């Protein structure tokens, strides 16, 4: 026995289209989030690289100060160096 085709009601079709629209919107947003994540990952990696470079630069500068003045500490407010005992 062959089954007859049936047409959905307008309300049913509206609900089906509503779900499709929601999924389409979420799919697009997921793509946007993925792109934003890629940009953030690159930015994070750039900052990590700059952080490492800054640490290396600081270490070299501190080494040059230690060679010039010896071991000690500096008062950052006055710029006065106090040699270690």
PDB file of N, CA and C in Angstrom:
ATOM      1  N   UNK A   1       0.836  -1.167   0.000  1.00  0.00           N
ATOM      2  CA  UNK A   1       0.000   0.000   0.000  1.00  0.00           C
ATOM      3  C   UNK A   1       0.892   1.245   0.000  1.00  0.00           C
ATOM      4  N   UNK A   2       0.697   2.083  -0.978  1.00  0.00           N
ATOM      5  CA  UNK A   2       1.502   3.297  -1.129  1.00  0.00           C
ATOM      6  C   UNK A   2       1.006   4.372  -0.181  1.00  0.00           C
ATOM      7  N   UNK A   3       1.967   5.072   0.421  1.00  0.00           N
ATOM      8  CA  UNK A   3       1.599   6.152   1.328  1.00  0.00           C
ATOM      9  C   UNK A   3       1.453   7.440   0.540  1.00  0.00           C
ATOM     10  N   UNK A   4       0.508   8.233   0.959  1.00  0.00           N
ATOM     11  CA  UNK A   4       0.286   9.514   0.293  1.00  0.00           C
ATOM     12  C   UNK A   4       1.176  10.572   0.931  1.00  0.00           C
ATOM     13  N   UNK A   5       1.617  11.509   0.120  1.00  0.00           N
ATOM     14  CA  UNK A   5       2.413  12.602   0.667  1.00  0.00           C
ATOM     15  C   UNK A   5       1.501  13.560   1.403  1.00  0.00           C
ATOM     16  N   UNK A   6       2.082  14.204   2.418  1.00  0.00           N
ATOM     17  CA  UNK A   6       1.311  15.140   3.232  1.00  0.00           C
ATOM     18  C   UNK A   6       2.084  16.430   3.321  1.00  0.00           C
ATOM     19  N   UNK A   7       1.393  17.501   3.264  1.00  0.00           N
ATOM     20  CA  UNK A   7       2.029  18.810   3.349  1.00  0.00           C
ATOM     21  C   UNK A   7       1.980  19.274   4.805  1.00  0.00           C
ATOM     22  N   UNK A   8       3.143  19.818   5.269  1.00  0.00           N
ATOM     23  CA  UNK A   8       3.182  20.377   6.620  1.00  0.00           C
ATOM     24  C   UNK A   8       2.303  21.611   6.694  1.00  0.00           C
ATOM     25  N   UNK A   9       1.848  21.909   7.885  1.00  0.00           N
ATOM     26  CA  UNK A   9       1.063  23.129   8.078  1.00  0.00           C
ATOM     27  C   UNK A   9       1.997  24.336   8.029  1.00  0.00           C
ATOM     28  N   UNK A  10       1.417  25.506   7.866  1.00  0.00           N
ATOM     29  CA  UNK A  10       2.227  26.736   7.850  1.00  0.00           C
ATOM     30  C   UNK A  10       2.977  26.907   9.167  1.00  0.00           C
ATOM     31  N   UNK A  11       2.305  26.610  10.274  1.00  0.00           N
ATOM     32  CA  UNK A  11       2.940  26.728  11.582  1.00  0.00           C
ATOM     33  C   UNK A  11       4.132  25.783  11.702  1.00  0.00           C
ATOM     34  N   UNK A  12       3.966  24.554  11.221  1.00  0.00           N
ATOM     35  CA  UNK A  12       5.060  23.584  11.263  1.00  0.00           C
ATOM     36  C   UNK A  12       6.230  24.055  10.393  1.00  0.00           C
ATOM     37  N   UNK A  13       5.909  24.566   9.215  1.00  0.00           N
ATOM     38  CA  UNK A  13       6.959  25.054   8.316  1.00  0.00           C
ATOM     39  C   UNK A  13       7.689  26.251   8.921  1.00  0.00           C
ATOM     40  N   UNK A  14       6.940  27.136   9.567  1.00  0.00           N
ATOM     41  CA  UNK A  14       7.564  28.286  10.219  1.00  0.00           C
ATOM     42  C   UNK A  14       8.527  27.827  11.307  1.00  0.00           C
ATOM     43  N   UNK A  15       8.120  26.834  12.077  1.00  0.00           N
ATOM     44  CA  UNK A  15       8.977  26.316  13.150  1.00  0.00           C
ATOM     45  C   UNK A  15      10.219  25.651  12.552  1.00  0.00           C
ATOM     46  N   UNK A  16      10.060  24.882  11.499  1.00  0.00           N
ATOM     47  CA  UNK A  16      11.197  24.231  10.823  1.00  0.00           C
ATOM     48  C   UNK A  16      12.171  25.293  10.314  1.00  0.00           C
ATOM     49  N   UNK A  17      11.634  26.335   9.676  1.00  0.00           N
ATOM     50  CA  UNK A  17      12.480  27.419   9.165  1.00  0.00           C
ATOM     51  C   UNK A  17      13.163  28.172  10.308  1.00  0.00           C
ATOM     52  N   UNK A  18      12.449  28.324  11.429  1.00  0.00           N
ATOM     53  CA  UNK A  18      13.031  28.995  12.586  1.00  0.00           C
ATOM     54  C   UNK A  18      14.248  28.209  13.094  1.00  0.00           C
ATOM     55  N   UNK A  19      14.093  26.880  13.222  1.00  0.00           N
ATOM     56  CA  UNK A  19      15.218  26.049  13.652  1.00  0.00           C
ATOM     57  C   UNK A  19      16.382  26.134  12.664  1.00  0.00           C
ATOM     58  N   UNK A  20      16.078  26.080  11.375  1.00  0.00           N
ATOM     59  CA  UNK A  20      17.131  26.179  10.357  1.00  0.00           C
ATOM     60  C   UNK A  20      17.861  27.509  10.473  1.00  0.00           C
ATOM     61  N   UNK A  21      17.099  28.582  10.669  1.00  0.00           N
ATOM     62  CA  UNK A  21      17.713  29.901  10.822  1.00  0.00           C
ATOM     63  C   UNK A  21      18.609  29.971  12.047  1.00  0.00           C
ATOM     64  N   UNK A  22      18.149  29.373  13.145  1.00  0.00           N
ATOM     65  CA  UNK A  22      18.960  29.347  14.365  1.00  0.00           C
ATOM     66  C   UNK A  22      20.265  28.592  14.140  1.00  0.00           C
ATOM     67  N   UNK A  23      20.173  27.422  13.504  1.00  0.00           N
ATOM     68  CA  UNK A  23      21.384  26.648  13.220  1.00  0.00           C
ATOM     69  C   UNK A  23      22.314  27.385  12.262  1.00  0.00           C
ATOM     70  N   UNK A  24      21.766  28.032  11.264  1.00  0.00           N
ATOM     71  CA  UNK A  24      22.585  28.812  10.328  1.00  0.00           C
ATOM     72  C   UNK A  24      23.320  29.927  11.067  1.00  0.00           C
ATOM     73  N   UNK A  25      22.598  30.640  11.934  1.00  0.00           N
ATOM     74  CA  UNK A  25      23.201  31.727  12.706  1.00  0.00           C
ATOM     75  C   UNK A  25      24.308  31.198  13.620  1.00  0.00           C
ATOM     76  N   UNK A  26      24.039  30.090  14.303  1.00  0.00           N
ATOM     77  CA  UNK A  26      25.048  29.517  15.210  1.00  0.00           C
ATOM     78  C   UNK A  26      26.263  29.015  14.440  1.00  0.00           C
ATOM     79  N   UNK A  27      26.044  28.462  13.261  1.00  0.00           N
ATOM     80  CA  UNK A  27      27.158  27.985  12.435  1.00  0.00           C
ATOM     81  C   UNK A  27      28.050  29.151  12.015  1.00  0.00           C
ATOM     82  N   UNK A  28      27.438  30.233  11.593  1.00  0.00           N
ATOM     83  CA  UNK A  28      28.206  31.423  11.209  1.00  0.00           C
ATOM     84  C   UNK A  28      28.966  31.958  12.414  1.00  0.00           C
ATOM     85  N   UNK A  29      28.304  32.033  13.557  1.00  0.00           N
ATOM     86  CA  UNK A  29      28.948  32.558  14.769  1.00  0.00           C
ATOM     87  C   UNK A  29      30.113  31.674  15.194  1.00  0.00           C
ATOM     88  N   UNK A  30      29.960  30.342  15.058  1.00  0.00           N
ATOM     89  CA  UNK A  30      31.061  29.426  15.385  1.00  0.00           C
ATOM     90  C   UNK A  30      32.271  29.706  14.498  1.00  0.00           C
ATOM     91  N   UNK A  31      32.018  29.986  13.231  1.00  0.00           N
ATOM     92  CA  UNK A  31      33.115  30.333  12.335  1.00  0.00           C
ATOM     93  C   UNK A  31      33.796  31.623  12.772  1.00  0.00           C
ATOM     94  N   UNK A  32      32.994  32.605  13.181  1.00  0.00           N
ATOM     95  CA  UNK A  32      33.557  33.873  13.652  1.00  0.00           C
ATOM     96  C   UNK A  32      34.392  33.664  14.907  1.00  0.00           C
ATOM     97  N   UNK A  33      33.895  32.837  15.825  1.00  0.00           N
ATOM     98  CA  UNK A  33      34.635  32.549  17.059  1.00  0.00           C
ATOM     99  C   UNK A  33      35.957  31.860  16.730  1.00  0.00           C
ATOM    100  N   UNK A  34      35.938  30.954  15.766  1.00  0.00           N
ATOM    101  CA  UNK A  34      37.172  30.258  15.367  1.00  0.00           C
ATOM    102  C   UNK A  34      38.202  31.241  14.823  1.00  0.00           C
ATOM    103  N   UNK A  35      37.755  32.181  14.012  1.00  0.00           N
ATOM    104  CA  UNK A  35      38.670  33.189  13.470  1.00  0.00           C
ATOM    105  C   UNK A  35      39.198  34.076  14.597  1.00  0.00           C
ATOM    106  N   UNK A  36      38.315  34.484  15.508  1.00  0.00           N
ATOM    107  CA  UNK A  36      38.747  35.307  16.642  1.00  0.00           C
ATOM    108  C   UNK A  36      39.770  34.562  17.488  1.00  0.00           C
ATOM    109  N   UNK A  37      39.556  33.245  17.686  1.00  0.00           N
ATOM    110  CA  UNK A  37      40.490  32.423  18.460  1.00  0.00           C
ATOM    111  C   UNK A  37      41.857  32.379  17.767  1.00  0.00           C
ATOM    112  N   UNK A  38      41.867  32.260  16.438  1.00  0.00           N
ATOM    113  CA  UNK A  38      43.132  32.253  15.699  1.00  0.00           C
ATOM    114  C   UNK A  38      43.870  33.565  15.898  1.00  0.00           C
ATOM    115  N   UNK A  39      43.141  34.670  15.823  1.00  0.00           N
ATOM    116  CA  UNK A  39      43.759  35.991  16.004  1.00  0.00           C
ATOM    117  C   UNK A  39      44.304  36.124  17.421  1.00  0.00           C
ATOM    118  N   UNK A  40      43.516  35.690  18.410  1.00  0.00           N
ATOM    119  CA  UNK A  40      43.972  35.759  19.796  1.00  0.00           C
ATOM    120  C   UNK A  40      45.186  34.873  20.034  1.00  0.00           C
ATOM    121  N   UNK A  41      45.193  33.684  19.440  1.00  0.00           N
ATOM    122  CA  UNK A  41      46.350  32.786  19.571  1.00  0.00           C
ATOM    123  C   UNK A  41      47.603  33.428  19.001  1.00  0.00           C
ATOM    124  N   UNK A  42      47.471  34.067  17.841  1.00  0.00           N
ATOM    125  CA  UNK A  42      48.624  34.734  17.232  1.00  0.00           C
ATOM    126  C   UNK A  42      49.086  35.889  18.113  1.00  0.00           C
ATOM    127  N   UNK A  43      48.136  36.668  18.626  1.00  0.00           N
ATOM    128  CA  UNK A  43      48.477  37.784  19.506  1.00  0.00           C
ATOM    129  C   UNK A  43      49.179  37.274  20.756  1.00  0.00           C
ATOM    130  N   UNK A  44      48.667  36.199  21.334  1.00  0.00           N
ATOM    131  CA  UNK A  44      49.285  35.615  22.524  1.00  0.00           C
ATOM    132  C   UNK A  44      50.713  35.159  22.221  1.00  0.00           C
ATOM    133  N   UNK A  45      50.901  34.502  21.089  1.00  0.00           N
ATOM    134  CA  UNK A  45      52.246  34.047  20.715  1.00  0.00           C
ATOM    135  C   UNK A  45      53.183  35.222  20.494  1.00  0.00           C
ATOM    136  N   UNK A  46      52.688  36.301  19.873  1.00  0.00           N
ATOM    137  CA  UNK A  46      53.506  37.501  19.675  1.00  0.00           C
ATOM    138  C   UNK A  46      53.930  38.100  21.014  1.00  0.00           C
ATOM    139  N   UNK A  47      53.000  38.135  21.972  1.00  0.00           N
ATOM    140  CA  UNK A  47      53.308  38.684  23.298  1.00  0.00           C
ATOM    141  C   UNK A  47      54.326  37.799  24.011  1.00  0.00           C
ATOM    142  N   UNK A  48      54.176  36.487  23.911  1.00  0.00           N
ATOM    143  CA  UNK A  48      55.131  35.568  24.536  1.00  0.00           C
ATOM    144  C   UNK A  48      56.527  35.771  23.952  1.00  0.00           C
ATOM    145  N   UNK A  49      56.606  35.948  22.645  1.00  0.00           N
ATOM    146  CA  UNK A  49      57.890  36.186  21.995  1.00  0.00           C
ATOM    147  C   UNK A  49      58.500  37.485  22.496  1.00  0.00           C
ATOM    148  N   UNK A  50      57.703  38.543  22.545  1.00  0.00           N
ATOM    149  CA  UNK A  50      58.182  39.844  23.024  1.00  0.00           C
ATOM    150  C   UNK A  50      58.602  39.752  24.491  1.00  0.00           C
ATOM    151  N   UNK A  51      57.866  38.977  25.294  1.00  0.00           N
ATOM    152  CA  UNK A  51      58.200  38.782  26.701  1.00  0.00           C
ATOM    153  C   UNK A  51      59.583  38.154  26.819  1.00  0.00           C
ATOM    154  N   UNK A  52      59.830  37.102  26.044  1.00  0.00           N
ATOM    155  CA  UNK A  52      61.136  36.423  26.063  1.00  0.00           C
ATOM    156  C   UNK A  52      62.247  37.364  25.634  1.00  0.00           C
ATOM    157  N   UNK A  53      61.988  38.119  24.580  1.00  0.00           N
ATOM    158  CA  UNK A  53      62.992  39.073  24.099  1.00  0.00           C
ATOM    159  C   UNK A  53      63.293  40.130  25.164  1.00  0.00           C
ATOM    160  N   UNK A  54      62.260  40.589  25.856  1.00  0.00           N
ATOM    161  CA  UNK A  54      62.437  41.593  26.902  1.00  0.00           C
ATOM    162  C   UNK A  54      63.226  41.013  28.071  1.00  0.00           C
ATOM    163  N   UNK A  55      62.929  39.777  28.459  1.00  0.00           N
ATOM    164  CA  UNK A  55      63.694  39.125  29.531  1.00  0.00           C
ATOM    165  C   UNK A  55      65.167  39.015  29.165  1.00  0.00           C
ATOM    166  N   UNK A  56      65.459  38.609  27.933  1.00  0.00           N
ATOM    167  CA  UNK A  56      66.845  38.496  27.473  1.00  0.00           C
ATOM    168  C   UNK A  56      67.533  39.853  27.485  1.00  0.00           C
ATOM    169  N   UNK A  57      66.840  40.860  26.990  1.00  0.00           N
ATOM    170  CA  UNK A  57      67.397  42.207  26.953  1.00  0.00           C
ATOM    171  C   UNK A  57      67.663  42.718  28.367  1.00  0.00           C
ATOM    172  N   UNK A  58      66.729  42.492  29.271  1.00  0.00           N
ATOM    173  CA  UNK A  58      66.904  42.918  30.660  1.00  0.00           C
ATOM    174  C   UNK A  58      68.090  42.211  31.300  1.00  0.00           C
ATOM    175  N   UNK A  59      68.194  40.904  31.079  1.00  0.00           N
ATOM    176  CA  UNK A  59      69.300  40.125  31.657  1.00  0.00           C
ATOM    177  C   UNK A  59      70.645  40.672  31.179  1.00  0.00           C
ATOM    178  N   UNK A  60      70.760  40.968  29.892  1.00  0.00           N
ATOM    179  CA  UNK A  60      72.009  41.515  29.352  1.00  0.00           C
ATOM    180  C   UNK A  60      72.303  42.885  29.961  1.00  0.00           C
ATOM    181  N   UNK A  61      71.274  43.712  30.134  1.00  0.00           N
ATOM    182  CA  UNK A  61      71.463  45.032  30.720  1.00  0.00           C
ATOM    183  C   UNK A  61      71.907  44.911  32.174  1.00  0.00           C
ATOM    184  N   UNK A  62      71.259  44.036  32.938  1.00  0.00           N
ATOM    185  CA  UNK A  62      71.629  43.837  34.349  1.00  0.00           C
ATOM    186  C   UNK A  62      73.055  43.309  34.441  1.00  0.00           C
ATOM    187  N   UNK A  63      73.431  42.389  33.548  1.00  0.00           N
ATOM    188  CA  UNK A  63      74.808  41.882  33.535  1.00  0.00           C
ATOM    189  C   UNK A  63      75.794  43.017  33.286  1.00  0.00           C
ATOM    190  N   UNK A  64      75.471  43.925  32.360  1.00  0.00           N
ATOM    191  CA  UNK A  64      76.391  45.041  32.075  1.00  0.00           C
ATOM    192  C   UNK A  64      76.483  45.988  33.271  1.00  0.00           C
ATOM    193  N   UNK A  65      75.380  46.211  33.981  1.00  0.00           N
ATOM    194  CA  UNK A  65      75.421  47.049  35.186  1.00  0.00           C
ATOM    195  C   UNK A  65      76.239  46.377  36.281  1.00  0.00           C
ATOM    196  N   UNK A  66      76.092  45.072  36.421  1.00  0.00           N
ATOM    197  CA  UNK A  66      76.859  44.340  37.440  1.00  0.00           C
ATOM    198  C   UNK A  66      78.344  44.407  37.152  1.00  0.00           C
ATOM    199  N   UNK A  67      78.721  44.322  35.877  1.00  0.00           N
ATOM    200  CA  UNK A  67      80.141  44.430  35.514  1.00  0.00           C
ATOM    201  C   UNK A  67      80.665  45.836  35.796  1.00  0.00           C
ATOM    202  N   UNK A  68      79.842  46.828  35.571  1.00  0.00           N
ATOM    203  CA  UNK A  68      80.258  48.215  35.748  1.00  0.00           C
ATOM    204  C   UNK A  68      80.293  48.625  37.219  1.00  0.00           C
ATOM    205  N   UNK A  69      79.271  48.245  37.998  1.00  0.00           N
ATOM    206  CA  UNK A  69      79.131  48.719  39.370  1.00  0.00           C
ATOM    207  C   UNK A  69      79.333  47.636  40.421  1.00  0.00           C
ATOM    208  N   UNK A  70      79.344  46.380  40.024  1.00  0.00           N
ATOM    209  CA  UNK A  70      79.410  45.287  40.986  1.00  0.00           C
ATOM    210  C   UNK A  70      78.009  44.915  41.447  1.00  0.00           C
ATOM    211  N   UNK A  71      77.966  44.019  42.434  1.00  0.00           N
ATOM    212  CA  UNK A  71      76.682  43.570  42.969  1.00  0.00           C
ATOM    213  C   UNK A  71      76.111  44.620  43.901  1.00  0.00           C
ATOM    214  N   UNK A  72      74.810  44.763  43.922  1.00  0.00           N
ATOM    215  CA  UNK A  72      74.154  45.716  44.791  1.00  0.00           C
ATOM    216  C   UNK A  72      72.708  45.889  44.397  1.00  0.00           C
ATOM    217  N   UNK A  73      72.144  46.991  44.855  1.00  0.00           N
ATOM    218  CA  UNK A  73      70.752  47.271  44.535  1.00  0.00           C
ATOM    219  C   UNK A  73      70.611  48.747  44.193  1.00  0.00           C
ATOM    220  N   UNK A  74      69.490  49.083  43.574  1.00  0.00           N
ATOM    221  CA  UNK A  74      69.249  50.451  43.162  1.00  0.00           C
ATOM    222  C   UNK A  74      67.920  50.926  43.741  1.00  0.00           C
ATOM    223  N   UNK A  75      67.919  52.162  44.179  1.00  0.00           N
ATOM    224  CA  UNK A  75      66.676  52.806  44.601  1.00  0.00           C
ATOM    225  C   UNK A  75      66.068  53.406  43.338  1.00  0.00           C
ATOM    226  N   UNK A  76      64.975  52.823  42.874  1.00  0.00           N
ATOM    227  CA  UNK A  76      64.379  53.253  41.607  1.00  0.00           C
ATOM    228  C   UNK A  76      63.836  54.669  41.676  1.00  0.00           C
ATOM    229  N   UNK A  77      63.518  55.159  42.861  1.00  0.00           N
ATOM    230  CA  UNK A  77      63.006  56.523  42.982  1.00  0.00           C
ATOM    231  C   UNK A  77      64.112  57.566  42.854  1.00  0.00           C
ATOM    232  N   UNK A  78      65.300  57.245  43.385  1.00  0.00           N
ATOM    233  CA  UNK A  78      66.387  58.242  43.383  1.00  0.00           C
ATOM    234  C   UNK A  78      67.465  57.933  42.360  1.00  0.00           C
ATOM    235  N   UNK A  79      67.534  56.680  41.904  1.00  0.00           N
ATOM    236  CA  UNK A  79      68.595  56.282  40.975  1.00  0.00           C
ATOM    237  C   UNK A  79      69.913  56.021  41.670  1.00  0.00           C
ATOM    238  N   UNK A  80      69.906  55.925  42.984  1.00  0.00           N
ATOM    239  CA  UNK A  80      71.124  55.711  43.761  1.00  0.00           C
ATOM    240  C   UNK A  80      71.408  54.209  43.843  1.00  0.00           C
ATOM    241  N   UNK A  81      72.677  53.849  43.516  1.00  0.00           N
ATOM    242  CA  UNK A  81      73.139  52.469  43.603  1.00  0.00           C
ATOM    243  C   UNK A  81      73.766  52.238  44.964  1.00  0.00           C
ATOM    244  N   UNK A  82      73.394  51.140  45.613  1.00  0.00           N
ATOM    245  CA  UNK A  82      73.963  50.785  46.901  1.00  0.00           C
ATOM    246  C   UNK A  82      74.694  49.450  46.756  1.00  0.00           C
ATOM    247  N   UNK A  83      76.031  49.474  46.861  1.00  0.00           N
ATOM    248  CA  UNK A  83      76.800  48.235  46.712  1.00  0.00           C
ATOM    249  C   UNK A  83      76.428  47.217  47.804  1.00  0.00           C
ATOM    250  N   UNK A  84      76.520  45.941  47.432  1.00  0.00           N
ATOM    251  CA  UNK A  84      76.283  44.881  48.402  1.00  0.00           C
ATOM    252  C   UNK A  84      77.488  44.796  49.319  1.00  0.00           C
ATOM    253  N   UNK A  85      77.309  44.311  50.516  1.00  0.00           N
ATOM    254  CA  UNK A  85      78.416  44.198  51.489  1.00  0.00           C
ATOM    255  C   UNK A  85      79.408  43.159  51.079  1.00  0.00           C
TER     256      UNK A  85
END
